[in-house]
């Protein structure tokens, strides 16, 4: 199958950080590596306004912001546009900060001690929906998914009611692998399908189950024991 345009559109990125030198350096590194930096912002309110106007694919977001904290920025923007991917880039590796960011809708979490190459790779992977975490933090997040799954979640019970939407066998298969903590790329390789097909299955499943993000999806799957199958 031939592709008429060999080059895809560059990934649109917005950088939010209250330190101008750091913000400019990250934006410059991204631009020089072929990303389209569509906006930057130095505080939370500015970030929300500019992100809604610029519509980036990926938001590179610091948590410690004036006017409005990063987790609130993340929650508002992902609520406004569920397709937005948020990569938190923070100096804090505190577990509470990581978990709060993920619960607010962040796709990944990278420490500022990461190298430029690690950041560029993280933005590329975040853009396609892969959860990217500084080593050591991924296990923490999966552990939190499991803890949440042990608590009652009234909203998820609706899926067991008569007339509830049914998942296809392939959607259930993808959901099971998501619950095991596999990235979209790993799922694609495991099932011998394309990365985009995995994304489509996940989006369809979210829609059918009326869930909003990967956190809720994993919680739903673990509650039903899909990660143990």
Protein backbone atom coordinates (compact mmCIF):
# COMPACT_ATOMS: atom_id res chain seq x y z
CA UNK A 1 0.00 0.00 0.00
CA UNK A 2 1.55 3.28 -1.03
CA UNK A 3 1.43 6.41 1.02
CA UNK A 4 0.91 9.53 -1.06
CA UNK A 5 2.58 11.79 1.45
CA UNK A 6 5.63 10.10 2.91
CA UNK A 7 6.01 12.65 5.67
CA UNK A 8 3.34 12.97 8.29
CA UNK A 9 2.45 16.33 9.76
CA UNK A 10 4.81 17.20 12.62
CA UNK A 11 3.56 16.60 16.16
CA UNK A 12 2.09 19.79 17.59
CA UNK A 13 3.49 20.49 21.04
CA UNK A 14 2.89 23.14 23.70
CA UNK A 15 5.36 23.72 26.56
CA UNK A 16 4.16 25.00 29.93
CA UNK A 17 6.71 25.98 32.59
CA UNK A 18 7.08 29.03 34.83
CA UNK A 19 10.86 29.23 34.34
CA UNK A 20 11.48 31.16 31.08
CA UNK A 21 14.97 29.78 30.42
CA UNK A 22 13.88 26.17 30.95
CA UNK A 23 10.70 26.68 28.91
CA UNK A 24 12.61 28.25 26.03
CA UNK A 25 15.28 25.54 26.08
CA UNK A 26 12.70 22.72 25.94
CA UNK A 27 10.77 24.50 23.17
CA UNK A 28 14.00 25.02 21.20
CA UNK A 29 15.07 21.37 21.57
CA UNK A 30 11.65 20.23 20.36
CA UNK A 31 11.63 22.63 17.40
CA UNK A 32 15.13 21.65 16.32
CA UNK A 33 14.06 17.98 16.38
CA UNK A 34 11.15 18.52 14.00
CA UNK A 35 8.27 19.11 16.39
CA UNK A 36 5.87 21.99 15.77
CA UNK A 37 5.87 24.07 18.98
CA UNK A 38 2.52 25.82 18.63
CA UNK A 39 2.50 27.68 21.96
CA UNK A 40 4.19 28.17 25.32
CA UNK A 41 2.85 29.43 28.64
CA UNK A 42 4.26 30.46 32.02
CA UNK A 43 1.28 30.06 34.33
CA UNK A 44 -1.80 27.89 34.69
CA UNK A 45 -4.46 30.29 33.49
CA UNK A 46 -2.39 31.25 30.45
CA UNK A 47 -1.81 27.56 29.73
CA UNK A 48 -5.52 26.75 29.64
CA UNK A 49 -6.35 29.72 27.38
CA UNK A 50 -3.50 29.15 24.94
CA UNK A 51 -3.92 25.38 24.75
CA UNK A 52 -7.59 25.74 23.82
CA UNK A 53 -6.64 28.19 21.08
CA UNK A 54 -3.54 26.36 19.77
CA UNK A 55 -4.91 22.77 20.00
CA UNK A 56 -1.59 20.93 20.52
CA UNK A 57 -1.32 17.14 20.19
CA UNK A 58 0.93 16.96 23.25
CA UNK A 59 1.14 19.27 26.26
CA UNK A 60 4.50 19.19 28.05
CA UNK A 61 3.45 20.39 31.48
CA UNK A 62 5.21 21.37 34.69
CA UNK A 63 3.13 20.80 37.83
CA UNK A 64 4.37 23.72 39.89
CA UNK A 65 2.72 26.71 38.21
CA UNK A 66 1.51 30.10 39.42
CA UNK A 67 -2.20 31.05 39.13
CA UNK A 68 -3.38 27.46 38.70
CA UNK A 69 -1.58 24.19 39.55
CA UNK A 70 -0.54 21.85 36.77
CA UNK A 71 -2.91 19.05 37.80
CA UNK A 72 -5.85 21.45 37.49
CA UNK A 73 -4.60 22.60 34.07
CA UNK A 74 -4.36 18.95 33.01
CA UNK A 75 -7.85 18.11 34.31
CA UNK A 76 -9.47 21.09 32.57
CA UNK A 77 -7.75 20.60 29.23
CA UNK A 78 -8.23 16.82 29.02
CA UNK A 79 -11.86 17.36 30.03
CA UNK A 80 -12.18 19.92 27.23
CA UNK A 81 -10.38 17.68 24.69
CA UNK A 82 -10.02 13.99 25.67
CA UNK A 83 -7.72 13.43 22.66
CA UNK A 84 -5.07 15.70 24.18
CA UNK A 85 -1.98 13.88 25.46
CA UNK A 86 -0.26 15.35 28.51
CA UNK A 87 3.35 14.60 29.40
CA UNK A 88 4.21 15.96 32.84
CA UNK A 89 7.83 17.16 33.05
CA UNK A 90 8.51 17.81 36.71
CA UNK A 91 11.35 18.16 39.19
CA UNK A 92 9.29 16.17 41.70
CA UNK A 93 9.43 12.39 41.83
CA UNK A 94 7.13 12.30 44.85
CA UNK A 95 4.69 9.43 44.53
CA UNK A 96 1.73 11.61 45.49
CA UNK A 97 2.54 14.08 42.69
CA UNK A 98 2.87 11.30 40.12
CA UNK A 99 -0.42 9.66 41.06
CA UNK A 100 -2.28 12.96 41.19
CA UNK A 101 -1.02 13.83 37.71
CA UNK A 102 -2.13 10.48 36.28
CA UNK A 103 -5.55 10.74 37.92
CA UNK A 104 -5.99 14.20 36.42
CA UNK A 105 -5.50 12.73 32.93
CA UNK A 106 -1.74 12.82 32.25
CA UNK A 107 -0.51 10.16 29.82
CA UNK A 108 3.04 10.11 31.20
CA UNK A 109 5.41 11.55 33.78
CA UNK A 110 9.06 12.38 33.22
CA UNK A 111 11.53 13.89 35.67
CA UNK A 112 13.44 17.01 34.64
CA UNK A 113 16.66 15.07 35.18
CA UNK A 114 15.87 13.20 31.94
CA UNK A 115 18.18 13.73 28.98
CA UNK A 116 17.10 15.66 25.90
CA UNK A 117 16.91 12.39 23.93
CA UNK A 118 14.70 10.85 26.62
CA UNK A 119 12.40 13.87 26.47
CA UNK A 120 12.14 13.80 22.67
CA UNK A 121 11.39 10.07 22.72
CA UNK A 122 8.83 10.58 25.49
CA UNK A 123 6.99 13.27 23.49
CA UNK A 124 6.90 11.03 20.39
CA UNK A 125 5.52 8.12 22.39
CA UNK A 126 3.06 10.29 24.30
CA UNK A 127 1.69 11.62 21.01
CA UNK A 128 0.56 8.10 20.02
CA UNK A 129 -0.93 7.36 23.43
CA UNK A 130 1.82 5.30 25.03
CA UNK A 131 2.15 5.82 28.79
CA UNK A 132 5.71 7.07 29.37
CA UNK A 133 7.19 7.16 32.85
CA UNK A 134 10.62 7.76 34.33
CA UNK A 135 11.94 4.29 35.27
CA UNK A 136 10.51 3.17 38.60
CA UNK A 137 7.33 5.20 38.32
CA UNK A 138 5.45 2.88 35.93
CA UNK A 139 5.21 0.16 38.59
CA UNK A 140 3.95 2.70 41.09
CA UNK A 141 1.15 3.77 38.75
CA UNK A 142 0.12 0.18 37.94
CA UNK A 143 0.08 -0.57 41.67
CA UNK A 144 -2.25 2.38 42.18
CA UNK A 145 -4.55 1.10 39.42
CA UNK A 146 -4.80 -2.16 41.35
CA UNK A 147 -5.47 -0.38 44.62
CA UNK A 148 -8.24 1.67 43.02
CA UNK A 149 -9.73 -1.47 41.56
CA UNK A 150 -10.16 -2.92 45.04
CA UNK A 151 -12.45 0.00 45.97
CA UNK A 152 -16.11 0.13 44.94
CA UNK A 153 -16.79 2.10 41.76
CA UNK A 154 -20.54 2.61 41.27
CA UNK A 155 -20.22 4.06 37.77
CA UNK A 156 -18.59 0.92 36.39
CA UNK A 157 -21.42 -1.31 37.58
CA UNK A 158 -23.67 -0.04 34.81
CA UNK A 159 -21.73 -2.14 32.31
CA UNK A 160 -23.20 -5.30 33.85
CA UNK A 161 -26.79 -4.17 33.41
CA UNK A 162 -29.02 -5.70 30.70
CA UNK A 163 -28.64 -3.83 27.44
CA UNK A 164 -25.13 -2.63 28.33
CA UNK A 165 -22.82 -2.21 25.31
CA UNK A 166 -20.89 -5.38 24.46
CA UNK A 167 -17.20 -5.35 23.60
CA UNK A 168 -15.93 -7.35 20.64
CA UNK A 169 -13.47 -10.18 21.28
CA UNK A 170 -10.63 -8.03 19.97
CA UNK A 171 -11.61 -5.06 22.14
CA UNK A 172 -11.67 -7.34 25.19
CA UNK A 173 -8.27 -8.73 24.19
CA UNK A 174 -6.79 -5.23 23.91
CA UNK A 175 -8.40 -4.22 27.21
CA UNK A 176 -6.85 -7.25 28.94
CA UNK A 177 -3.37 -6.24 27.74
CA UNK A 178 -3.91 -2.60 28.75
CA UNK A 179 -4.79 -3.86 32.25
CA UNK A 180 -1.53 -5.81 32.36
CA UNK A 181 0.35 -2.54 31.87
CA UNK A 182 1.47 -3.03 28.27
CA UNK A 183 2.05 0.01 26.08
CA UNK A 184 0.08 0.43 22.85
CA UNK A 185 3.24 -0.47 20.91
CA UNK A 186 3.68 -3.69 22.89
CA UNK A 187 0.01 -4.58 22.39
CA UNK A 188 0.34 -3.99 18.63
CA UNK A 189 3.37 -6.30 18.49
CA UNK A 190 1.67 -8.96 20.64
CA UNK A 191 -1.50 -9.02 18.52
CA UNK A 192 0.30 -8.38 15.20
CA UNK A 193 -1.82 -5.34 14.39
CA UNK A 194 -0.93 -1.71 13.79
CA UNK A 195 -0.41 0.85 16.53
CA UNK A 196 -3.29 2.89 15.13
CA UNK A 197 -5.61 -0.11 15.26
CA UNK A 198 -4.81 -0.53 18.97
CA UNK A 199 -5.62 3.15 19.51
CA UNK A 200 -8.92 2.75 17.67
CA UNK A 201 -9.90 -0.26 19.79
CA UNK A 202 -9.11 1.65 22.98
CA UNK A 203 -11.10 4.70 21.85
CA UNK A 204 -14.06 2.51 20.86
CA UNK A 205 -13.94 0.73 24.22
CA UNK A 206 -13.83 4.03 26.13
CA UNK A 207 -16.85 5.20 24.17
CA UNK A 208 -18.85 2.02 24.69
CA UNK A 209 -18.16 1.91 28.43
CA UNK A 210 -18.60 5.69 28.84
CA UNK A 211 -15.17 5.99 30.45
CA UNK A 212 -12.90 8.98 30.01
CA UNK A 213 -9.28 7.90 30.15
CA UNK A 214 -6.79 5.07 30.55
CA UNK A 215 -6.93 5.22 34.35
CA UNK A 216 -10.67 4.48 34.36
CA UNK A 217 -10.23 1.84 31.66
CA UNK A 218 -7.57 -0.06 33.60
CA UNK A 219 -9.62 0.18 36.76
CA UNK A 220 -12.63 -1.28 34.92
CA UNK A 221 -10.53 -4.14 33.52
CA UNK A 222 -8.89 -5.03 36.83
CA UNK A 223 -12.24 -4.98 38.63
CA UNK A 224 -13.38 -7.70 36.25
CA UNK A 225 -10.21 -9.73 36.67
CA UNK A 226 -9.12 -9.26 33.05
CA UNK A 227 -5.51 -8.68 34.08
CA UNK A 228 -5.34 -12.17 35.58
CA UNK A 229 -6.55 -14.02 32.49
